[in-house]
């Protein structure tokens, strides 16, 4: 699944994997792994009161 060259090379636990993708006429759809524990960026911002200071943003991984 996914692009044949997308997951080639050494594996690194800090890099999420491309599981599948679809090339449409005006956009791409990418299916990426979601390792646990994790949360999406919107939820993270909500938990920090709706905005992030520069120091926090620099450390988001």
N, C-alpha and C. Protein backbone atom coordinates (compact mmCIF):
# COMPACT_ATOMS: atom_id res chain seq x y z
N UNK A 1 0.82 -1.20 0.00
CA UNK A 1 0.00 0.00 0.00
C UNK A 1 0.86 1.26 0.00
N UNK A 2 0.26 2.35 -0.36
CA UNK A 2 0.99 3.61 -0.40
C UNK A 2 1.84 3.69 -1.65
N UNK A 3 2.59 4.74 -1.75
CA UNK A 3 3.48 4.92 -2.89
C UNK A 3 4.65 3.96 -2.74
N UNK A 4 5.07 3.29 -3.82
CA UNK A 4 6.14 2.29 -3.72
C UNK A 4 7.43 2.80 -3.09
N UNK A 5 7.77 4.07 -3.29
CA UNK A 5 9.03 4.59 -2.75
C UNK A 5 8.85 5.33 -1.43
N UNK A 6 7.63 5.52 -0.98
CA UNK A 6 7.38 6.36 0.20
C UNK A 6 7.97 5.76 1.48
N UNK A 7 7.93 4.47 1.63
CA UNK A 7 8.40 3.85 2.87
C UNK A 7 9.68 3.05 2.68
N UNK A 8 10.43 3.36 1.64
CA UNK A 8 11.72 2.70 1.42
C UNK A 8 12.77 3.31 2.33
N UNK A 9 13.81 2.57 2.56
CA UNK A 9 14.89 3.08 3.39
C UNK A 9 14.73 2.67 4.83
N UNK A 10 15.64 3.14 5.67
CA UNK A 10 15.60 2.75 7.08
C UNK A 10 14.36 3.28 7.78
N UNK A 11 13.87 2.50 8.71
CA UNK A 11 12.71 2.89 9.50
C UNK A 11 13.16 3.71 10.70
N UNK A 12 12.36 4.70 11.07
CA UNK A 12 12.66 5.53 12.24
C UNK A 12 11.37 5.72 13.02
N UNK A 13 11.35 5.40 14.31
CA UNK A 13 10.12 5.52 15.09
C UNK A 13 9.61 6.96 15.21
N UNK A 14 10.45 7.94 14.90
CA UNK A 14 10.04 9.35 14.99
C UNK A 14 9.36 9.84 13.71
N UNK A 15 9.31 9.01 12.68
CA UNK A 15 8.70 9.40 11.40
C UNK A 15 7.48 8.53 11.15
N UNK A 16 6.31 9.18 10.97
CA UNK A 16 5.10 8.41 10.69
C UNK A 16 5.15 7.85 9.28
N UNK A 17 4.46 6.74 9.08
CA UNK A 17 4.48 6.05 7.80
C UNK A 17 3.27 6.44 6.95
N UNK A 18 3.51 6.52 5.65
CA UNK A 18 2.44 6.73 4.68
C UNK A 18 1.82 5.36 4.40
N UNK A 19 0.56 5.17 4.77
CA UNK A 19 -0.09 3.87 4.60
C UNK A 19 -0.74 3.74 3.23
N UNK A 20 -1.32 4.83 2.74
CA UNK A 20 -1.97 4.81 1.44
C UNK A 20 -2.12 6.26 0.97
N UNK A 21 -2.38 6.44 -0.33
CA UNK A 21 -2.58 7.78 -0.84
C UNK A 21 -3.42 7.73 -2.11
N UNK A 22 -4.06 8.85 -2.41
CA UNK A 22 -4.87 8.97 -3.62
C UNK A 22 -4.60 10.33 -4.24
N UNK A 23 -4.31 10.35 -5.52
CA UNK A 23 -4.02 11.58 -6.26
C UNK A 23 -5.27 11.97 -7.03
N UNK A 24 -5.97 13.03 -6.57
CA UNK A 24 -7.16 13.52 -7.24
C UNK A 24 -6.77 14.69 -8.15
N UNK A 25 -7.70 15.22 -8.91
CA UNK A 25 -7.37 16.29 -9.86
C UNK A 25 -6.87 17.56 -9.19
N UNK A 26 -7.38 17.89 -8.02
CA UNK A 26 -6.97 19.15 -7.38
C UNK A 26 -6.45 18.99 -5.95
N UNK A 27 -6.27 17.76 -5.49
CA UNK A 27 -5.73 17.56 -4.15
C UNK A 27 -5.23 16.12 -3.98
N UNK A 28 -4.50 15.92 -2.90
CA UNK A 28 -4.02 14.59 -2.53
C UNK A 28 -4.71 14.16 -1.25
N UNK A 29 -4.97 12.88 -1.13
CA UNK A 29 -5.47 12.31 0.12
C UNK A 29 -4.39 11.35 0.60
N UNK A 30 -3.89 11.58 1.81
CA UNK A 30 -2.86 10.71 2.37
C UNK A 30 -3.40 10.06 3.64
N UNK A 31 -3.20 8.76 3.75
CA UNK A 31 -3.55 8.02 4.95
C UNK A 31 -2.25 7.74 5.68
N UNK A 32 -2.11 8.34 6.86
CA UNK A 32 -0.88 8.22 7.64
C UNK A 32 -1.15 7.42 8.90
N UNK A 33 -0.14 6.72 9.38
CA UNK A 33 -0.31 6.01 10.64
C UNK A 33 -0.51 7.02 11.76
N UNK A 34 -1.17 6.59 12.82
CA UNK A 34 -1.40 7.44 13.98
C UNK A 34 -0.91 6.68 15.20
N UNK A 35 0.36 6.88 15.53
CA UNK A 35 0.92 6.14 16.67
C UNK A 35 0.27 6.56 17.98
N UNK A 36 0.27 5.68 18.93
CA UNK A 36 -0.30 5.98 20.25
C UNK A 36 0.82 6.09 21.25
N UNK A 37 0.81 6.98 22.18
CA UNK A 37 -0.23 8.00 22.35
C UNK A 37 0.01 9.16 21.40
N UNK A 38 -1.05 9.78 20.96
CA UNK A 38 -0.95 10.99 20.14
C UNK A 38 -2.27 11.74 20.20
N UNK A 39 -2.26 12.98 19.74
CA UNK A 39 -3.50 13.73 19.60
C UNK A 39 -3.34 14.66 18.41
N UNK A 40 -4.46 15.02 17.79
CA UNK A 40 -4.35 15.93 16.66
C UNK A 40 -4.08 17.35 17.15
N UNK A 41 -3.62 18.19 16.23
CA UNK A 41 -3.21 19.54 16.59
C UNK A 41 -4.37 20.37 17.14
N UNK A 42 -5.56 20.21 16.59
CA UNK A 42 -6.71 20.97 17.08
C UNK A 42 -6.98 20.66 18.54
N UNK A 43 -6.98 19.40 18.90
CA UNK A 43 -7.21 19.00 20.31
C UNK A 43 -6.11 19.57 21.20
N UNK A 44 -4.86 19.52 20.76
CA UNK A 44 -3.73 20.05 21.52
C UNK A 44 -3.91 21.54 21.79
N UNK A 45 -4.30 22.29 20.75
CA UNK A 45 -4.52 23.73 20.91
C UNK A 45 -5.68 23.99 21.87
N UNK A 46 -6.76 23.22 21.74
CA UNK A 46 -7.90 23.38 22.64
C UNK A 46 -7.50 23.14 24.09
N UNK A 47 -6.67 22.14 24.33
CA UNK A 47 -6.22 21.85 25.69
C UNK A 47 -5.33 22.95 26.27
N UNK A 48 -4.76 23.77 25.39
CA UNK A 48 -3.92 24.89 25.83
C UNK A 48 -4.66 26.22 25.76
N UNK A 49 -5.98 26.18 25.87
CA UNK A 49 -6.77 27.40 25.94
C UNK A 49 -7.07 28.07 24.61
N UNK A 50 -6.85 27.40 23.50
CA UNK A 50 -7.22 27.94 22.20
C UNK A 50 -6.09 28.60 21.43
N UNK A 51 -4.94 28.78 22.07
CA UNK A 51 -3.79 29.34 21.35
C UNK A 51 -2.51 28.84 22.00
N UNK A 52 -1.41 28.92 21.25
CA UNK A 52 -0.12 28.44 21.74
C UNK A 52 0.88 29.58 21.69
N UNK A 53 1.73 29.66 22.72
CA UNK A 53 2.80 30.65 22.67
C UNK A 53 3.95 30.11 21.81
N UNK A 54 4.87 30.97 21.47
CA UNK A 54 5.95 30.58 20.56
C UNK A 54 6.80 29.44 21.12
N UNK A 55 7.08 29.47 22.41
CA UNK A 55 7.89 28.41 23.01
C UNK A 55 7.24 27.04 22.89
N UNK A 56 5.93 26.98 23.12
CA UNK A 56 5.21 25.71 22.99
C UNK A 56 5.19 25.26 21.54
N UNK A 57 4.95 26.18 20.63
CA UNK A 57 4.88 25.80 19.21
C UNK A 57 6.19 25.25 18.70
N UNK A 58 7.28 25.79 19.19
CA UNK A 58 8.59 25.30 18.74
C UNK A 58 8.84 23.87 19.18
N UNK A 59 8.14 23.42 20.23
CA UNK A 59 8.38 22.08 20.76
C UNK A 59 7.32 21.06 20.38
N UNK A 60 6.34 21.44 19.57
CA UNK A 60 5.32 20.48 19.14
C UNK A 60 5.97 19.48 18.21
N UNK A 61 5.79 18.20 18.50
CA UNK A 61 6.37 17.14 17.67
C UNK A 61 5.29 16.21 17.21
